[in-house]
Structure formats: structure tokens, C-alpha cells
Amino acid sequence: MGLIGEVLLLPFAPVRGSAWVIRQVLSEAERIYYDPATIRAELARLEERLEAGEIDEEEFDRAEDELLDRLETGSRAGAATNDWTSG
């Protein structure tokens, strides 16, 4: 983009900057959400809650399924990213 384009788009710079920040925050949140270590820690806490009697088997199974789905989704996304970047 040339100098004229930059000058014309200057009033929109705060919006472009905000959009970049939002993309970065979203990317980091997704990285943490799908991080295998985070999910394993949540599974361990879930099991502790079951053993302590804070939740029943049904709630444990539902939450465990959700966590395992997240783990699988994160693994697939990581494998796809690695395939793409290694090529």
C-alpha cells in the first residue's frame, strides 16, 4: 500500500490496531484452551472432585467427555499446523 493509501486509512488505525490485539488475545486463549497440559490438569481436578463426592458419575462422565473432545480437537489442530509448517 502506498503513502496515499496509508494517509487515507490513518483515521482507521485505532480500529486496525484493536482488531490485531483481539486476534492475538483470541489466539492465545485458544492455545491455552487446547493445551494438552491444561486439559490433563483439568482431568485430574475432575477426578479429585469425583473422589471427594463433589460430583456424581454422570456429571464426571459428561465433563470428561468434553475434556477428551478438547484434547482430540487440539491434537488434530496441532497435527494439521505441524503438517502445514513442515512442508
PDB file of N, CA and C in Angstrom:
ATOM      1  N   MET A   1       0.861  -1.170   0.000  1.00  0.00           N
ATOM      2  CA  MET A   1       0.000   0.000   0.000  1.00  0.00           C
ATOM      3  C   MET A   1       0.900   1.224   0.000  1.00  0.00           C
ATOM      4  N   GLY A   2       0.551   2.181  -0.813  1.00  0.00           N
ATOM      5  CA  GLY A   2       1.380   3.364  -0.952  1.00  0.00           C
ATOM      6  C   GLY A   2       1.127   4.390   0.142  1.00  0.00           C
ATOM      7  N   LEU A   3       1.843   5.456   0.043  1.00  0.00           N
ATOM      8  CA  LEU A   3       1.757   6.535   1.020  1.00  0.00           C
ATOM      9  C   LEU A   3       0.354   7.146   1.043  1.00  0.00           C
ATOM     10  N   ILE A   4      -0.251   7.318  -0.105  1.00  0.00           N
ATOM     11  CA  ILE A   4      -1.598   7.904  -0.170  1.00  0.00           C
ATOM     12  C   ILE A   4      -2.604   6.993   0.530  1.00  0.00           C
ATOM     13  N   GLY A   5      -2.486   5.692   0.288  1.00  0.00           N
ATOM     14  CA  GLY A   5      -3.380   4.736   0.944  1.00  0.00           C
ATOM     15  C   GLY A   5      -3.214   4.771   2.453  1.00  0.00           C
ATOM     16  N   GLU A   6      -1.984   4.860   2.910  1.00  0.00           N
ATOM     17  CA  GLU A   6      -1.734   4.930   4.352  1.00  0.00           C
ATOM     18  C   GLU A   6      -2.341   6.196   4.949  1.00  0.00           C
ATOM     19  N   VAL A   7      -2.193   7.304   4.272  1.00  0.00           N
ATOM     20  CA  VAL A   7      -2.736   8.572   4.762  1.00  0.00           C
ATOM     21  C   VAL A   7      -4.266   8.511   4.808  1.00  0.00           C
ATOM     22  N   LEU A   8      -4.865   7.948   3.759  1.00  0.00           N
ATOM     23  CA  LEU A   8      -6.322   7.861   3.717  1.00  0.00           C
ATOM     24  C   LEU A   8      -6.864   6.929   4.800  1.00  0.00           C
ATOM     25  N   LEU A   9      -6.123   5.872   5.116  1.00  0.00           N
ATOM     26  CA  LEU A   9      -6.585   4.904   6.110  1.00  0.00           C
ATOM     27  C   LEU A   9      -6.152   5.254   7.532  1.00  0.00           C
ATOM     28  N   LEU A  10      -5.405   6.343   7.693  1.00  0.00           N
ATOM     29  CA  LEU A  10      -4.921   6.732   9.020  1.00  0.00           C
ATOM     30  C   LEU A  10      -6.025   6.866  10.061  1.00  0.00           C
ATOM     31  N   PRO A  11      -7.196   7.428   9.720  1.00  0.00           N
ATOM     32  CA  PRO A  11      -8.254   7.512  10.740  1.00  0.00           C
ATOM     33  C   PRO A  11      -8.714   6.143  11.254  1.00  0.00           C
ATOM     34  N   PHE A  12      -8.469   5.093  10.481  1.00  0.00           N
ATOM     35  CA  PHE A  12      -8.892   3.756  10.893  1.00  0.00           C
ATOM     36  C   PHE A  12      -7.799   2.981  11.639  1.00  0.00           C
ATOM     37  N   ALA A  13      -6.667   3.607  11.875  1.00  0.00           N
ATOM     38  CA  ALA A  13      -5.549   2.943  12.544  1.00  0.00           C
ATOM     39  C   ALA A  13      -5.939   2.373  13.914  1.00  0.00           C
ATOM     40  N   PRO A  14      -6.683   3.109  14.745  1.00  0.00           N
ATOM     41  CA  PRO A  14      -7.062   2.520  16.044  1.00  0.00           C
ATOM     42  C   PRO A  14      -7.915   1.257  15.883  1.00  0.00           C
ATOM     43  N   VAL A  15      -8.771   1.225  14.892  1.00  0.00           N
ATOM     44  CA  VAL A  15      -9.607   0.053  14.659  1.00  0.00           C
ATOM     45  C   VAL A  15      -8.743  -1.122  14.215  1.00  0.00           C
ATOM     46  N   ARG A  16      -7.817  -0.866  13.294  1.00  0.00           N
ATOM     47  CA  ARG A  16      -6.922  -1.931  12.832  1.00  0.00           C
ATOM     48  C   ARG A  16      -6.058  -2.438  13.976  1.00  0.00           C
ATOM     49  N   GLY A  17      -5.577  -1.528  14.816  1.00  0.00           N
ATOM     50  CA  GLY A  17      -4.770  -1.933  15.966  1.00  0.00           C
ATOM     51  C   GLY A  17      -5.576  -2.746  16.957  1.00  0.00           C
ATOM     52  N   SER A  18      -6.808  -2.337  17.205  1.00  0.00           N
ATOM     53  CA  SER A  18      -7.682  -3.083  18.118  1.00  0.00           C
ATOM     54  C   SER A  18      -7.995  -4.459  17.572  1.00  0.00           C
ATOM     55  N   ALA A  19      -8.227  -4.550  16.276  1.00  0.00           N
ATOM     56  CA  ALA A  19      -8.512  -5.851  15.662  1.00  0.00           C
ATOM     57  C   ALA A  19      -7.312  -6.772  15.804  1.00  0.00           C
ATOM     58  N   TRP A  20      -6.100  -6.238  15.637  1.00  0.00           N
ATOM     59  CA  TRP A  20      -4.899  -7.051  15.788  1.00  0.00           C
ATOM     60  C   TRP A  20      -4.789  -7.574  17.219  1.00  0.00           C
ATOM     61  N   VAL A  21      -5.024  -6.697  18.194  1.00  0.00           N
ATOM     62  CA  VAL A  21      -4.950  -7.096  19.605  1.00  0.00           C
ATOM     63  C   VAL A  21      -5.986  -8.180  19.896  1.00  0.00           C
ATOM     64  N   ILE A  22      -7.186  -8.018  19.399  1.00  0.00           N
ATOM     65  CA  ILE A  22      -8.242  -9.008  19.618  1.00  0.00           C
ATOM     66  C   ILE A  22      -7.837 -10.350  19.016  1.00  0.00           C
ATOM     67  N   ARG A  23      -7.257 -10.336  17.813  1.00  0.00           N
ATOM     68  CA  ARG A  23      -6.802 -11.595  17.191  1.00  0.00           C
ATOM     69  C   ARG A  23      -5.714 -12.261  18.029  1.00  0.00           C
ATOM     70  N   GLN A  24      -4.801 -11.464  18.577  1.00  0.00           N
ATOM     71  CA  GLN A  24      -3.727 -12.024  19.398  1.00  0.00           C
ATOM     72  C   GLN A  24      -4.268 -12.637  20.687  1.00  0.00           C
ATOM     73  N   VAL A  25      -5.196 -11.938  21.333  1.00  0.00           N
ATOM     74  CA  VAL A  25      -5.796 -12.438  22.580  1.00  0.00           C
ATOM     75  C   VAL A  25      -6.573 -13.724  22.296  1.00  0.00           C
ATOM     76  N   LEU A  26      -7.340 -13.736  21.228  1.00  0.00           N
ATOM     77  CA  LEU A  26      -8.111 -14.926  20.859  1.00  0.00           C
ATOM     78  C   LEU A  26      -7.190 -16.105  20.562  1.00  0.00           C
ATOM     79  N   SER A  27      -6.110 -15.852  19.847  1.00  0.00           N
ATOM     80  CA  SER A  27      -5.153 -16.905  19.525  1.00  0.00           C
ATOM     81  C   SER A  27      -4.536 -17.490  20.797  1.00  0.00           C
ATOM     82  N   GLU A  28      -4.162 -16.653  21.736  1.00  0.00           N
ATOM     83  CA  GLU A  28      -3.573 -17.140  22.991  1.00  0.00           C
ATOM     84  C   GLU A  28      -4.603 -17.894  23.831  1.00  0.00           C
ATOM     85  N   ALA A  29      -5.831 -17.409  23.860  1.00  0.00           N
ATOM     86  CA  ALA A  29      -6.886 -18.102  24.609  1.00  0.00           C
ATOM     87  C   ALA A  29      -7.142 -19.490  24.025  1.00  0.00           C
ATOM     88  N   GLU A  30      -7.163 -19.598  22.708  1.00  0.00           N
ATOM     89  CA  GLU A  30      -7.349 -20.901  22.070  1.00  0.00           C
ATOM     90  C   GLU A  30      -6.168 -21.820  22.347  1.00  0.00           C
ATOM     91  N   ARG A  31      -4.951 -21.272  22.348  1.00  0.00           N
ATOM     92  CA  ARG A  31      -3.771 -22.080  22.631  1.00  0.00           C
ATOM     93  C   ARG A  31      -3.853 -22.672  24.037  1.00  0.00           C
ATOM     94  N   ILE A  32      -4.240 -21.859  24.993  1.00  0.00           N
ATOM     95  CA  ILE A  32      -4.364 -22.334  26.377  1.00  0.00           C
ATOM     96  C   ILE A  32      -5.511 -23.325  26.506  1.00  0.00           C
ATOM     97  N   TYR A  33      -6.638 -23.032  25.863  1.00  0.00           N
ATOM     98  CA  TYR A  33      -7.825 -23.882  25.955  1.00  0.00           C
ATOM     99  C   TYR A  33      -7.551 -25.285  25.435  1.00  0.00           C
ATOM    100  N   TYR A  34      -6.774 -25.396  24.364  1.00  0.00           N
ATOM    101  CA  TYR A  34      -6.495 -26.691  23.752  1.00  0.00           C
ATOM    102  C   TYR A  34      -5.147 -27.285  24.177  1.00  0.00           C
ATOM    103  N   ASP A  35      -4.456 -26.648  25.103  1.00  0.00           N
ATOM    104  CA  ASP A  35      -3.154 -27.132  25.564  1.00  0.00           C
ATOM    105  C   ASP A  35      -3.327 -28.464  26.295  1.00  0.00           C
ATOM    106  N   PRO A  36      -2.623 -29.512  25.856  1.00  0.00           N
ATOM    107  CA  PRO A  36      -2.772 -30.823  26.496  1.00  0.00           C
ATOM    108  C   PRO A  36      -2.468 -30.806  27.992  1.00  0.00           C
ATOM    109  N   ALA A  37      -1.489 -30.041  28.419  1.00  0.00           N
ATOM    110  CA  ALA A  37      -1.151 -29.978  29.847  1.00  0.00           C
ATOM    111  C   ALA A  37      -2.303 -29.367  30.651  1.00  0.00           C
ATOM    112  N   THR A  38      -2.933 -28.353  30.109  1.00  0.00           N
ATOM    113  CA  THR A  38      -4.072 -27.727  30.775  1.00  0.00           C
ATOM    114  C   THR A  38      -5.221 -28.712  30.886  1.00  0.00           C
ATOM    115  N   ILE A  39      -5.479 -29.428  29.818  1.00  0.00           N
ATOM    116  CA  ILE A  39      -6.587 -30.391  29.811  1.00  0.00           C
ATOM    117  C   ILE A  39      -6.312 -31.529  30.781  1.00  0.00           C
ATOM    118  N   ARG A  40      -5.069 -32.007  30.815  1.00  0.00           N
ATOM    119  CA  ARG A  40      -4.731 -33.081  31.767  1.00  0.00           C
ATOM    120  C   ARG A  40      -4.916 -32.613  33.208  1.00  0.00           C
ATOM    121  N   ALA A  41      -4.540 -31.374  33.489  1.00  0.00           N
ATOM    122  CA  ALA A  41      -4.726 -30.829  34.837  1.00  0.00           C
ATOM    123  C   ALA A  41      -6.209 -30.739  35.185  1.00  0.00           C
ATOM    124  N   GLU A  42      -7.024 -30.335  34.218  1.00  0.00           N
ATOM    125  CA  GLU A  42      -8.470 -30.268  34.447  1.00  0.00           C
ATOM    126  C   GLU A  42      -9.052 -31.665  34.664  1.00  0.00           C
ATOM    127  N   LEU A  43      -8.542 -32.662  33.937  1.00  0.00           N
ATOM    128  CA  LEU A  43      -8.995 -34.045  34.146  1.00  0.00           C
ATOM    129  C   LEU A  43      -8.632 -34.519  35.559  1.00  0.00           C
ATOM    130  N   ALA A  44      -7.447 -34.173  36.017  1.00  0.00           N
ATOM    131  CA  ALA A  44      -7.031 -34.568  37.366  1.00  0.00           C
ATOM    132  C   ALA A  44      -7.917 -33.910  38.417  1.00  0.00           C
ATOM    133  N   ARG A  45      -8.218 -32.619  38.247  1.00  0.00           N
ATOM    134  CA  ARG A  45      -9.111 -31.922  39.194  1.00  0.00           C
ATOM    135  C   ARG A  45     -10.511 -32.531  39.166  1.00  0.00           C
ATOM    136  N   LEU A  46     -10.950 -32.909  37.985  1.00  0.00           N
ATOM    137  CA  LEU A  46     -12.266 -33.519  37.842  1.00  0.00           C
ATOM    138  C   LEU A  46     -12.325 -34.834  38.603  1.00  0.00           C
ATOM    139  N   GLU A  47     -11.274 -35.629  38.477  1.00  0.00           N
ATOM    140  CA  GLU A  47     -11.229 -36.907  39.192  1.00  0.00           C
ATOM    141  C   GLU A  47     -11.192 -36.688  40.709  1.00  0.00           C
ATOM    142  N   GLU A  48     -10.458 -35.676  41.136  1.00  0.00           N
ATOM    143  CA  GLU A  48     -10.421 -35.347  42.569  1.00  0.00           C
ATOM    144  C   GLU A  48     -11.812 -34.971  43.075  1.00  0.00           C
ATOM    145  N   ARG A  49     -12.542 -34.200  42.278  1.00  0.00           N
ATOM    146  CA  ARG A  49     -13.898 -33.809  42.678  1.00  0.00           C
ATOM    147  C   ARG A  49     -14.813 -35.024  42.781  1.00  0.00           C
ATOM    148  N   LEU A  50     -14.648 -35.989  41.864  1.00  0.00           N
ATOM    149  CA  LEU A  50     -15.446 -37.213  41.906  1.00  0.00           C
ATOM    150  C   LEU A  50     -15.128 -37.999  43.173  1.00  0.00           C
ATOM    151  N   GLU A  51     -13.847 -38.163  43.463  1.00  0.00           N
ATOM    152  CA  GLU A  51     -13.433 -38.915  44.644  1.00  0.00           C
ATOM    153  C   GLU A  51     -13.865 -38.235  45.938  1.00  0.00           C
ATOM    154  N   ALA A  52     -13.932 -36.898  45.921  1.00  0.00           N
ATOM    155  CA  ALA A  52     -14.345 -36.147  47.108  1.00  0.00           C
ATOM    156  C   ALA A  52     -15.867 -36.117  47.253  1.00  0.00           C
ATOM    157  N   GLY A  53     -16.580 -36.616  46.253  1.00  0.00           N
ATOM    158  CA  GLY A  53     -18.037 -36.640  46.315  1.00  0.00           C
ATOM    159  C   GLY A  53     -18.699 -35.332  45.924  1.00  0.00           C
ATOM    160  N   GLU A  54     -17.930 -34.428  45.337  1.00  0.00           N
ATOM    161  CA  GLU A  54     -18.487 -33.134  44.929  1.00  0.00           C
ATOM    162  C   GLU A  54     -19.365 -33.262  43.684  1.00  0.00           C
ATOM    163  N   ILE A  55     -19.076 -34.270  42.850  1.00  0.00           N
ATOM    164  CA  ILE A  55     -19.868 -34.511  41.644  1.00  0.00           C
ATOM    165  C   ILE A  55     -20.184 -36.000  41.576  1.00  0.00           C
ATOM    166  N   ASP A  56     -21.227 -36.344  40.820  1.00  0.00           N
ATOM    167  CA  ASP A  56     -21.577 -37.760  40.671  1.00  0.00           C
ATOM    168  C   ASP A  56     -20.973 -38.316  39.381  1.00  0.00           C
ATOM    169  N   GLU A  57     -21.140 -39.616  39.163  1.00  0.00           N
ATOM    170  CA  GLU A  57     -20.570 -40.300  37.996  1.00  0.00           C
ATOM    171  C   GLU A  57     -21.059 -39.702  36.674  1.00  0.00           C
ATOM    172  N   GLU A  58     -22.339 -39.370  36.634  1.00  0.00           N
ATOM    173  CA  GLU A  58     -22.911 -38.833  35.398  1.00  0.00           C
ATOM    174  C   GLU A  58     -22.269 -37.501  35.028  1.00  0.00           C
ATOM    175  N   GLU A  59     -22.139 -36.615  36.003  1.00  0.00           N
ATOM    176  CA  GLU A  59     -21.512 -35.319  35.744  1.00  0.00           C
ATOM    177  C   GLU A  59     -20.032 -35.507  35.381  1.00  0.00           C
ATOM    178  N   PHE A  60     -19.372 -36.437  36.068  1.00  0.00           N
ATOM    179  CA  PHE A  60     -17.973 -36.731  35.766  1.00  0.00           C
ATOM    180  C   PHE A  60     -17.825 -37.197  34.318  1.00  0.00           C
ATOM    181  N   ASP A  61     -18.671 -38.143  33.904  1.00  0.00           N
ATOM    182  CA  ASP A  61     -18.597 -38.682  32.542  1.00  0.00           C
ATOM    183  C   ASP A  61     -18.823 -37.591  31.497  1.00  0.00           C
ATOM    184  N   ARG A  62     -19.796 -36.736  31.750  1.00  0.00           N
ATOM    185  CA  ARG A  62     -20.082 -35.653  30.800  1.00  0.00           C
ATOM    186  C   ARG A  62     -18.887 -34.707  30.680  1.00  0.00           C
ATOM    187  N   ALA A  63     -18.359 -34.285  31.819  1.00  0.00           N
ATOM    188  CA  ALA A  63     -17.231 -33.352  31.804  1.00  0.00           C
ATOM    189  C   ALA A  63     -15.982 -34.010  31.215  1.00  0.00           C
ATOM    190  N   GLU A  64     -15.774 -35.278  31.529  1.00  0.00           N
ATOM    191  CA  GLU A  64     -14.619 -35.995  30.996  1.00  0.00           C
ATOM    192  C   GLU A  64     -14.715 -36.090  29.472  1.00  0.00           C
ATOM    193  N   ASP A  65     -15.904 -36.384  28.953  1.00  0.00           N
ATOM    194  CA  ASP A  65     -16.090 -36.450  27.504  1.00  0.00           C
ATOM    195  C   ASP A  65     -15.758 -35.111  26.843  1.00  0.00           C
ATOM    196  N   GLU A  66     -16.203 -34.015  27.457  1.00  0.00           N
ATOM    197  CA  GLU A  66     -15.921 -32.687  26.913  1.00  0.00           C
ATOM    198  C   GLU A  66     -14.418 -32.412  26.890  1.00  0.00           C
ATOM    199  N   LEU A  67     -13.746 -32.771  27.979  1.00  0.00           N
ATOM    200  CA  LEU A  67     -12.301 -32.549  28.041  1.00  0.00           C
ATOM    201  C   LEU A  67     -11.557 -33.413  27.027  1.00  0.00           C
ATOM    202  N   LEU A  68     -11.972 -34.646  26.887  1.00  0.00           N
ATOM    203  CA  LEU A  68     -11.323 -35.524  25.912  1.00  0.00           C
ATOM    204  C   LEU A  68     -11.577 -35.054  24.483  1.00  0.00           C
ATOM    205  N   ASP A  69     -12.761 -34.508  24.227  1.00  0.00           N
ATOM    206  CA  ASP A  69     -13.046 -33.929  22.907  1.00  0.00           C
ATOM    207  C   ASP A  69     -12.113 -32.745  22.636  1.00  0.00           C
ATOM    208  N   ARG A  70     -11.916 -31.891  23.659  1.00  0.00           N
ATOM    209  CA  ARG A  70     -10.998 -30.758  23.522  1.00  0.00           C
ATOM    210  C   ARG A  70      -9.593 -31.242  23.235  1.00  0.00           C
ATOM    211  N   LEU A  71      -9.169 -32.286  23.941  1.00  0.00           N
ATOM    212  CA  LEU A  71      -7.831 -32.826  23.747  1.00  0.00           C
ATOM    213  C   LEU A  71      -7.663 -33.345  22.317  1.00  0.00           C
ATOM    214  N   GLU A  72      -8.670 -34.052  21.825  1.00  0.00           N
ATOM    215  CA  GLU A  72      -8.620 -34.577  20.461  1.00  0.00           C
ATOM    216  C   GLU A  72      -8.612 -33.452  19.433  1.00  0.00           C
ATOM    217  N   THR A  73      -9.461 -32.449  19.641  1.00  0.00           N
ATOM    218  CA  THR A  73      -9.518 -31.316  18.724  1.00  0.00           C
ATOM    219  C   THR A  73      -8.188 -30.582  18.699  1.00  0.00           C
ATOM    220  N   GLY A  74      -7.614 -30.366  19.870  1.00  0.00           N
ATOM    221  CA  GLY A  74      -6.322 -29.695  19.944  1.00  0.00           C
ATOM    222  C   GLY A  74      -5.223 -30.498  19.286  1.00  0.00           C
ATOM    223  N   SER A  75      -5.257 -31.813  19.451  1.00  0.00           N
ATOM    224  CA  SER A  75      -4.251 -32.670  18.828  1.00  0.00           C
ATOM    225  C   SER A  75      -4.368 -32.633  17.308  1.00  0.00           C
ATOM    226  N   ARG A  76      -5.587 -32.683  16.815  1.00  0.00           N
ATOM    227  CA  ARG A  76      -5.794 -32.621  15.358  1.00  0.00           C
ATOM    228  C   ARG A  76      -5.347 -31.275  14.806  1.00  0.00           C
ATOM    229  N   ALA A  77      -5.697 -30.198  15.499  1.00  0.00           N
ATOM    230  CA  ALA A  77      -5.314 -28.863  15.034  1.00  0.00           C
ATOM    231  C   ALA A  77      -3.799 -28.710  15.076  1.00  0.00           C
ATOM    232  N   GLY A  78      -3.160 -29.251  16.107  1.00  0.00           N
ATOM    233  CA  GLY A  78      -1.708 -29.185  16.199  1.00  0.00           C
ATOM    234  C   GLY A  78      -1.038 -29.993  15.114  1.00  0.00           C
ATOM    235  N   ALA A  79      -1.576 -31.165  14.819  1.00  0.00           N
ATOM    236  CA  ALA A  79      -1.012 -32.000  13.766  1.00  0.00           C
ATOM    237  C   ALA A  79      -1.178 -31.325  12.411  1.00  0.00           C
ATOM    238  N   ALA A  80      -2.316 -30.707  12.177  1.00  0.00           N
ATOM    239  CA  ALA A  80      -2.557 -30.019  10.909  1.00  0.00           C
ATOM    240  C   ALA A  80      -1.597 -28.837  10.778  1.00  0.00           C
ATOM    241  N   THR A  81      -1.378 -28.109  11.851  1.00  0.00           N
ATOM    242  CA  THR A  81      -0.461 -26.964  11.826  1.00  0.00           C
ATOM    243  C   THR A  81       0.965 -27.443  11.573  1.00  0.00           C
ATOM    244  N   ASN A  82       1.362 -28.516  12.238  1.00  0.00           N
ATOM    245  CA  ASN A  82       2.714 -29.043  12.034  1.00  0.00           C
ATOM    246  C   ASN A  82       2.908 -29.551  10.621  1.00  0.00           C
ATOM    247  N   ASP A  83       1.904 -30.206  10.058  1.00  0.00           N
ATOM    248  CA  ASP A  83       1.985 -30.687   8.682  1.00  0.00           C
ATOM    249  C   ASP A  83       2.159 -29.524   7.721  1.00  0.00           C
ATOM    250  N   TRP A  84       1.433 -28.456   7.984  1.00  0.00           N
ATOM    251  CA  TRP A  84       1.464 -27.309   7.103  1.00  0.00           C
ATOM    252  C   TRP A  84       2.794 -26.566   7.203  1.00  0.00           C
ATOM    253  N   THR A  85       3.319 -26.414   8.428  1.00  0.00           N
ATOM    254  CA  THR A  85       4.538 -25.644   8.608  1.00  0.00           C
ATOM    255  C   THR A  85       5.785 -26.432   8.247  1.00  0.00           C
ATOM    256  N   SER A  86       5.721 -27.761   8.293  1.00  0.00           N
ATOM    257  CA  SER A  86       6.911 -28.550   8.000  1.00  0.00           C
ATOM    258  C   SER A  86       7.100 -28.786   6.510  1.00  0.00           C
ATOM    259  N   GLY A  87       6.086 -28.458   5.699  1.00  0.00           N
ATOM    260  CA  GLY A  87       6.145 -28.748   4.271  1.00  0.00           C
ATOM    261  C   GLY A  87       6.858 -27.777   3.454  1.00  0.00           C
TER     262      GLY A  87
END
